[in-house]
Amino acid sequence: MAKQRSTSRRSSAATTYRSHKPSHVTIPATMRAAVIDRYGGVAQLDVREMPVPRHAAHEVLIRLDTVGVGGWDASARAGDIKSEHGFPLVLGTDGAGVIADVGSRVTRFKRGDRVQAYVFDNPKGGFYAEYVAVSAKYVGHVPKVLDLERAGALTVIGLTALQGVDDTLRVQRGESVIVHGASGNVGMIAVQLAKWRGARVLATASGADGVAFVRDLGIGNVIDGKSDDIEDEVRQFAPRGLDAVLAFSGGDALARSLDVLKKGGRVVYPNGVEPAPRKRARARIRPYDAEASPEAFTRLNRAVVASRLRVPIYTSLPLEQVAKAHQLIEKGHVLGKIVLTTRG
């Protein structure tokens, strides 16, 4: 079990931040945050009081509502991914909430705006907290069609999916595309976006429940990547060969689908997919990383609205149950996004 200290007695102290606006904003001096003091297992997670980070002129302070939980968070906790900023370390890369205050150089946001943000290894602490201070260039407005829970669930997986479909793979209408790992967090968004872009989509999922999960998202062609004959299924789906492969999971199913690519077919995957696809003479293989920017969030918001995107949530847990969230992530086969909420 994680070390979880009582948070029932909150500090009543508060500090007044001066902003470029004439009025003052009262911000609590401390906040609840999920912290580690060393790398290791879930027992290292400690929910405790921490100082609210101070935002600089180019930054915004966000009062978080919902925070995404991903496998990369568990890797950061274990030390497989190491922070450049030392301990105590607040985990978490992304989430959604409301602007509590803005720095004097920030013009795109005002207090009260609903926003989402993504920063990997944020210098002023991660998102497993009630407040986070981040550079305004990594923040975007939340579209009206999303509540904060789904916005917080979507942030990094939405950016990763959209940038894979549009920027790296450059999916074209009518192309035959296979999406591997479609029942995973990024995959469940990517299959919807690829279909919206007009591609003919074949999805692989894990297990009968994974297949049903992806079909429920509106994808008609779904196969079990572990039990079905991938090559045979792909040849039936695309007799002239696949145009492209979008991989959010590695392994044998991915390797076998590369044999059915057209000459010059494209293969893209986010860095971190293991095992990564090996080079093939007939394929153009390209890894990528998701990036946050004002333009990226604007494009994501447009896609969310236009595609009527669904954001499945597996479970929403209070911040104090962060250890359970990590246990679920490490157990695997989670259909939908796990999120933490700081409400209450």
Protein backbone atom coordinates (compact mmCIF):
# COMPACT_ATOMS: atom_id res chain seq x y z
CA MET A 1 0.00 0.00 0.00
CA ALA A 2 1.13 3.57 -0.58
CA LYS A 3 2.06 5.81 2.29
CA GLN A 4 -0.90 8.15 2.65
CA ARG A 5 -0.88 10.77 5.34
CA SER A 6 -4.03 12.34 6.64
CA THR A 7 -5.17 15.36 4.68
CA SER A 8 -8.16 16.21 6.88
CA ARG A 9 -6.39 19.08 8.61
CA ARG A 10 -5.54 21.52 5.85
CA SER A 11 -3.31 24.50 6.46
CA SER A 12 -5.36 27.65 6.85
CA ALA A 13 -2.43 29.80 5.80
CA ALA A 14 -2.67 31.52 2.45
CA THR A 15 -0.51 33.76 0.36
CA THR A 16 -1.55 36.66 -1.88
CA TYR A 17 -0.06 36.54 -5.38
CA ARG A 18 0.20 39.82 -7.24
CA SER A 19 -0.55 39.59 -10.93
CA HIS A 20 -0.63 42.09 -13.78
CA LYS A 21 -4.34 42.58 -13.07
CA PRO A 22 -5.33 45.28 -10.55
CA SER A 23 -7.04 42.86 -8.16
CA HIS A 24 -5.29 40.34 -5.95
CA VAL A 25 -5.89 36.60 -5.91
CA THR A 26 -5.74 34.59 -2.72
CA ILE A 27 -4.02 31.24 -3.27
CA PRO A 28 -3.55 28.63 -0.51
CA ALA A 29 -0.01 28.29 0.79
CA THR A 30 -0.17 24.48 0.58
CA MET A 31 -1.86 21.81 -1.49
CA ARG A 32 -2.34 18.06 -1.54
CA ALA A 33 0.10 16.30 -3.86
CA ALA A 34 1.23 12.74 -4.60
CA VAL A 35 4.98 12.73 -4.05
CA ILE A 36 7.89 10.29 -4.15
CA ASP A 37 11.13 10.80 -2.24
CA ARG A 38 12.94 8.01 -4.06
CA TYR A 39 12.30 5.72 -7.00
CA GLY A 40 10.59 2.40 -6.37
CA GLY A 41 7.24 0.62 -6.08
CA VAL A 42 3.82 1.99 -5.23
CA ALA A 43 4.83 2.10 -1.55
CA GLN A 44 6.93 5.16 -2.41
CA LEU A 45 3.80 7.19 -3.27
CA ASP A 46 3.00 9.62 -0.47
CA VAL A 47 -0.03 11.95 -0.54
CA ARG A 48 0.92 14.94 1.60
CA GLU A 49 0.90 18.71 1.93
CA MET A 50 3.31 20.57 -0.36
CA PRO A 51 3.82 24.26 -1.08
CA VAL A 52 1.72 25.60 -3.94
CA PRO A 53 4.21 26.37 -6.76
CA ARG A 54 4.83 30.01 -7.58
CA HIS A 55 4.27 30.94 -11.21
CA ALA A 56 6.63 33.17 -13.19
CA ALA A 57 5.77 35.92 -15.67
CA HIS A 58 5.44 33.51 -18.59
CA GLU A 59 3.53 30.87 -16.61
CA VAL A 60 0.00 30.16 -15.45
CA LEU A 61 -1.14 28.60 -12.20
CA ILE A 62 -3.82 25.96 -12.76
CA ARG A 63 -6.22 24.69 -10.09
CA LEU A 64 -6.42 21.10 -11.29
CA ASP A 65 -9.64 19.14 -11.46
CA THR A 66 -8.67 15.91 -13.27
CA VAL A 67 -5.27 14.36 -13.92
CA GLY A 68 -4.42 11.62 -16.39
CA VAL A 69 -2.61 8.45 -15.29
CA GLY A 70 -0.49 6.51 -17.78
CA GLY A 71 2.13 3.81 -17.94
CA TRP A 72 4.81 6.49 -18.26
CA ASP A 73 3.86 7.69 -14.76
CA ALA A 74 4.54 4.24 -13.32
CA SER A 75 7.87 4.20 -15.20
CA ALA A 76 8.74 7.60 -13.73
CA ARG A 77 7.87 6.37 -10.23
CA ALA A 78 10.01 3.25 -10.67
CA GLY A 79 12.97 5.22 -12.01
CA ASP A 80 12.88 3.75 -15.51
CA ILE A 81 12.31 7.34 -16.59
CA LYS A 82 14.34 9.70 -14.42
CA SER A 83 13.51 13.30 -13.64
CA GLU A 84 16.02 16.10 -14.06
CA HIS A 85 14.60 17.96 -11.06
CA GLY A 86 15.31 15.80 -8.02
CA PHE A 87 13.23 14.90 -4.98
CA PRO A 88 10.66 15.32 -3.56
CA LEU A 89 9.07 14.66 -6.94
CA VAL A 90 5.41 15.27 -7.79
CA LEU A 91 4.44 12.86 -10.58
CA GLY A 92 2.03 13.42 -13.47
CA THR A 93 2.39 14.88 -16.96
CA ASP A 94 -1.05 16.22 -17.88
CA GLY A 95 -4.47 17.28 -16.71
CA ALA A 96 -7.26 19.82 -16.85
CA GLY A 97 -8.59 22.48 -14.53
CA VAL A 98 -9.21 26.20 -14.15
CA ILE A 99 -6.73 29.07 -14.35
CA ALA A 100 -6.12 30.36 -10.83
CA ASP A 101 -3.70 33.11 -11.84
CA VAL A 102 -1.59 34.24 -14.78
CA GLY A 103 1.88 35.71 -15.09
CA SER A 104 2.40 39.29 -16.23
CA ARG A 105 3.50 38.24 -19.73
CA VAL A 106 0.58 35.88 -20.36
CA THR A 107 -2.08 37.23 -22.72
CA ARG A 108 -3.95 34.15 -23.99
CA PHE A 109 -5.54 33.21 -20.65
CA LYS A 110 -7.39 34.84 -17.80
CA ARG A 111 -8.43 33.65 -14.36
CA GLY A 112 -11.36 31.26 -14.54
CA ASP A 113 -10.57 29.86 -17.99
CA ARG A 114 -11.03 26.09 -18.36
CA VAL A 115 -7.73 24.68 -19.61
CA GLN A 116 -5.74 21.50 -20.21
CA ALA A 117 -1.96 21.18 -20.19
CA TYR A 118 0.80 18.68 -20.91
CA VAL A 119 4.41 18.97 -19.72
CA PHE A 120 6.77 16.02 -19.41
CA ASP A 121 8.98 16.44 -16.31
CA ASN A 122 7.70 19.91 -15.44
CA PRO A 123 10.40 21.95 -13.60
CA LYS A 124 7.92 23.13 -10.93
CA GLY A 125 6.37 19.75 -10.22
CA GLY A 126 3.95 17.40 -11.90
CA PHE A 127 0.18 17.21 -12.15
CA TYR A 128 -0.62 14.81 -9.29
CA ALA A 129 -1.57 17.82 -7.19
CA GLU A 130 -4.23 20.44 -6.58
CA TYR A 131 -2.18 23.12 -8.35
CA VAL A 132 0.45 23.14 -11.08
CA ALA A 133 2.51 26.02 -12.48
CA VAL A 134 3.41 25.62 -16.15
CA SER A 135 4.59 27.69 -19.07
CA ALA A 136 1.58 29.10 -20.96
CA LYS A 137 2.93 27.64 -24.21
CA TYR A 138 2.01 24.15 -22.98
CA VAL A 139 -1.60 25.08 -22.14
CA GLY A 140 -4.76 25.06 -24.22
CA HIS A 141 -8.40 25.99 -23.76
CA VAL A 142 -10.88 23.16 -23.15
CA PRO A 143 -13.62 22.97 -25.82
CA LYS A 144 -17.18 23.47 -24.60
CA VAL A 145 -18.16 19.92 -25.58
CA LEU A 146 -15.83 18.42 -22.95
CA ASP A 147 -16.20 18.49 -19.19
CA LEU A 148 -13.00 18.79 -17.16
CA GLU A 149 -12.96 15.08 -16.37
CA ARG A 150 -12.80 14.07 -20.03
CA ALA A 151 -10.50 16.94 -20.89
CA GLY A 152 -8.07 15.76 -18.22
CA ALA A 153 -8.34 12.20 -19.48
CA LEU A 154 -7.74 13.23 -23.08
CA THR A 155 -4.86 15.70 -22.93
CA VAL A 156 -1.69 13.71 -23.68
CA ILE A 157 -3.38 10.74 -25.36
CA GLY A 158 -5.33 13.12 -27.60
CA LEU A 159 -2.21 15.01 -28.65
CA THR A 160 -0.36 11.73 -29.26
CA ALA A 161 -3.19 10.25 -31.32
CA LEU A 162 -3.84 13.35 -33.43
CA GLN A 163 -0.17 14.00 -34.14
CA GLY A 164 0.27 10.37 -35.12
CA VAL A 165 -2.70 10.39 -37.50
CA ASP A 166 -2.26 13.86 -39.00
CA ASP A 167 1.34 15.01 -38.63
CA THR A 168 3.42 11.85 -38.77
CA LEU A 169 1.34 9.33 -40.71
CA ARG A 170 -0.56 11.99 -42.69
CA VAL A 171 -3.55 9.77 -43.24
CA GLN A 172 -5.43 10.38 -46.48
CA ARG A 173 -9.07 9.69 -47.28
CA GLY A 174 -9.57 6.21 -48.69
CA GLU A 175 -6.25 4.80 -47.49
CA SER A 176 -6.10 1.38 -45.83
CA VAL A 177 -4.67 1.78 -42.34
CA ILE A 178 -4.16 -0.71 -39.52
CA VAL A 179 -4.08 0.66 -35.96
CA HIS A 180 -2.32 -1.67 -33.53
CA GLY A 181 -3.20 -1.41 -29.85
CA ALA A 182 -6.57 0.17 -30.59
CA SER A 183 -7.96 -0.87 -27.20
CA GLY A 184 -5.17 1.02 -25.40
CA ASN A 185 -5.42 4.62 -24.25
CA VAL A 186 -3.87 6.31 -27.29
CA GLY A 187 -5.19 3.73 -29.72
CA MET A 188 -8.83 4.22 -28.68
CA ILE A 189 -8.53 7.88 -29.70
CA ALA A 190 -6.45 7.29 -32.83
CA VAL A 191 -8.90 4.82 -34.41
CA GLN A 192 -11.70 7.36 -34.10
CA LEU A 193 -9.58 10.12 -35.64
CA ALA A 194 -8.33 7.93 -38.50
CA LYS A 195 -11.91 6.97 -39.34
CA TRP A 196 -12.97 10.61 -39.13
CA ARG A 197 -10.18 11.49 -41.60
CA GLY A 198 -11.76 9.07 -44.07
CA ALA A 199 -9.33 6.16 -43.83
CA ARG A 200 -10.41 2.53 -44.10
CA VAL A 201 -9.44 1.35 -40.64
CA LEU A 202 -8.56 -2.14 -39.45
CA ALA A 203 -7.93 -2.21 -35.70
CA THR A 204 -6.20 -4.77 -33.50
CA ALA A 205 -7.24 -5.10 -29.88
CA SER A 206 -6.41 -7.40 -26.99
CA GLY A 207 -8.91 -10.13 -26.10
CA ALA A 208 -12.62 -10.47 -26.82
CA ASP A 209 -13.46 -7.63 -24.44
CA GLY A 210 -10.91 -5.39 -26.14
CA VAL A 211 -12.39 -6.18 -29.54
CA ALA A 212 -15.90 -5.37 -28.25
CA PHE A 213 -14.60 -2.15 -26.67
CA VAL A 214 -13.18 -0.88 -29.98
CA ARG A 215 -16.26 -1.90 -31.94
CA ASP A 216 -18.33 0.13 -29.49
CA LEU A 217 -16.29 3.18 -30.57
CA GLY A 218 -17.73 2.79 -34.06
CA ILE A 219 -14.94 0.75 -35.68
CA GLY A 220 -16.35 -2.10 -37.74
CA ASN A 221 -13.15 -3.98 -38.62
CA VAL A 222 -11.55 -5.16 -35.38
CA ILE A 223 -9.47 -8.29 -34.78
CA ASP A 224 -7.79 -9.86 -31.75
CA GLY A 225 -4.10 -9.17 -32.19
CA LYS A 226 -3.13 -12.15 -30.05
CA SER A 227 -5.32 -14.91 -31.48
CA ASP A 228 -6.41 -14.01 -35.01
CA ASP A 229 -4.32 -14.66 -38.13
CA ILE A 230 -3.08 -11.13 -38.75
CA GLU A 231 -1.66 -11.66 -42.23
CA ASP A 232 -4.80 -13.40 -43.47
CA GLU A 233 -7.08 -10.76 -41.94
CA VAL A 234 -5.03 -7.92 -43.40
CA ARG A 235 -4.93 -9.48 -46.87
CA GLN A 236 -8.70 -9.82 -46.82
CA PHE A 237 -9.06 -6.23 -45.63
CA ALA A 238 -6.54 -4.77 -48.12
CA PRO A 239 -5.94 -7.22 -51.00
CA ARG A 240 -3.58 -4.74 -52.69
CA GLY A 241 -1.65 -4.13 -49.50
CA LEU A 242 -1.80 -1.71 -46.60
CA ASP A 243 -1.02 1.94 -47.12
CA ALA A 244 -0.01 2.61 -43.54
CA VAL A 245 0.46 1.22 -40.03
CA LEU A 246 -0.08 3.19 -36.83
CA ALA A 247 1.39 1.23 -33.93
CA PHE A 248 0.64 1.79 -30.24
CA SER A 249 1.74 -1.73 -29.34
CA GLY A 250 4.63 -3.83 -30.57
CA GLY A 251 5.22 -7.52 -30.93
CA ASP A 252 4.40 -10.27 -33.37
CA ALA A 253 1.12 -8.81 -34.67
CA LEU A 254 2.89 -5.60 -35.66
CA ALA A 255 5.79 -7.47 -37.28
CA ARG A 256 3.48 -9.68 -39.36
CA SER A 257 1.37 -6.75 -40.57
CA LEU A 258 4.49 -5.13 -42.02
CA ASP A 259 4.72 -8.02 -44.48
CA VAL A 260 1.43 -6.88 -46.01
CA LEU A 261 2.48 -3.27 -46.58
CA LYS A 262 2.58 -1.80 -50.04
CA LYS A 263 6.03 -0.86 -51.26
CA GLY A 264 6.79 2.50 -49.70
CA GLY A 265 4.09 2.04 -47.05
CA ARG A 266 4.36 4.19 -43.93
CA VAL A 267 4.77 2.95 -40.37
CA VAL A 268 4.68 5.34 -37.41
CA TYR A 269 4.76 4.79 -33.67
CA PRO A 270 5.28 6.95 -30.57
CA ASN A 271 8.62 6.54 -28.84
CA GLY A 272 8.24 4.06 -26.01
CA VAL A 273 6.45 1.32 -27.96
CA GLU A 274 8.28 -1.92 -27.27
CA PRO A 275 9.47 -3.82 -29.14
CA ALA A 276 9.78 -1.11 -31.77
CA PRO A 277 9.30 -2.19 -35.40
CA ARG A 278 12.50 -3.19 -37.18
CA LYS A 279 13.59 -1.54 -40.39
CA ARG A 280 12.07 -2.98 -43.56
CA ALA A 281 13.25 -2.34 -47.10
CA ARG A 282 9.70 -1.80 -48.33
CA ALA A 283 8.55 0.45 -45.47
CA ARG A 284 9.16 3.98 -44.26
CA ILE A 285 9.28 3.71 -40.46
CA ARG A 286 9.18 6.80 -38.27
CA PRO A 287 8.91 7.27 -34.49
CA TYR A 288 7.55 10.45 -32.94
CA ASP A 289 6.82 12.22 -29.65
CA ALA A 290 3.70 14.15 -28.73
CA GLU A 291 4.23 17.88 -28.33
CA ALA A 292 2.10 20.51 -26.64
CA SER A 293 1.73 23.99 -28.11
CA PRO A 294 -1.03 26.56 -28.59
CA GLU A 295 -1.45 25.43 -32.20
CA ALA A 296 -1.52 21.74 -31.20
CA PHE A 297 -4.30 22.34 -28.66
CA THR A 298 -6.30 24.40 -31.16
CA ARG A 299 -6.12 21.57 -33.69
CA LEU A 300 -7.02 18.98 -31.05
CA ASN A 301 -10.05 21.00 -29.99
CA ARG A 302 -11.26 21.29 -33.58
CA ALA A 303 -10.85 17.54 -34.05
CA VAL A 304 -12.71 16.78 -30.81
CA VAL A 305 -15.69 18.85 -31.93
CA ALA A 306 -15.74 17.82 -35.59
CA SER A 307 -15.27 14.09 -34.98
CA ARG A 308 -17.63 13.96 -31.98
CA LEU A 309 -14.80 12.18 -30.22
CA ARG A 310 -15.59 9.78 -27.40
CA VAL A 311 -13.22 9.67 -24.41
CA PRO A 312 -13.85 6.42 -22.49
CA ILE A 313 -12.91 6.54 -18.80
CA TYR A 314 -12.18 3.29 -17.00
CA THR A 315 -12.28 4.77 -13.51
CA SER A 316 -11.97 8.10 -11.72
CA LEU A 317 -10.19 7.89 -8.36
CA PRO A 318 -9.50 10.53 -5.70
CA LEU A 319 -5.89 11.68 -5.45
CA GLU A 320 -5.51 9.72 -2.20
CA GLN A 321 -5.98 6.48 -4.17
CA VAL A 322 -3.01 7.13 -6.47
CA ALA A 323 -1.45 3.80 -5.41
CA LYS A 324 -4.53 1.93 -6.65
CA ALA A 325 -4.32 3.81 -9.96
CA HIS A 326 -0.70 2.71 -10.41
CA GLN A 327 -1.55 -0.86 -9.48
CA LEU A 328 -4.25 -0.93 -12.14
CA ILE A 329 -1.89 0.50 -14.74
CA GLU A 330 0.80 -2.04 -13.96
CA LYS A 331 -1.69 -4.92 -13.98
CA GLY A 332 -2.56 -3.97 -17.55
CA HIS A 333 -5.51 -4.55 -19.89
CA VAL A 334 -7.34 -1.41 -18.82
CA LEU A 335 -10.09 -0.48 -21.28
CA GLY A 336 -10.46 3.28 -20.98
CA LYS A 337 -8.48 5.98 -19.22
CA ILE A 338 -7.66 6.04 -15.52
CA VAL A 339 -7.85 9.49 -13.99
CA LEU A 340 -7.28 11.09 -10.61
CA THR A 341 -9.49 13.86 -9.30
CA THR A 342 -8.50 16.57 -6.83
CA ARG A 343 -12.09 17.64 -6.20
CA GLY A 344 -13.10 17.73 -2.52
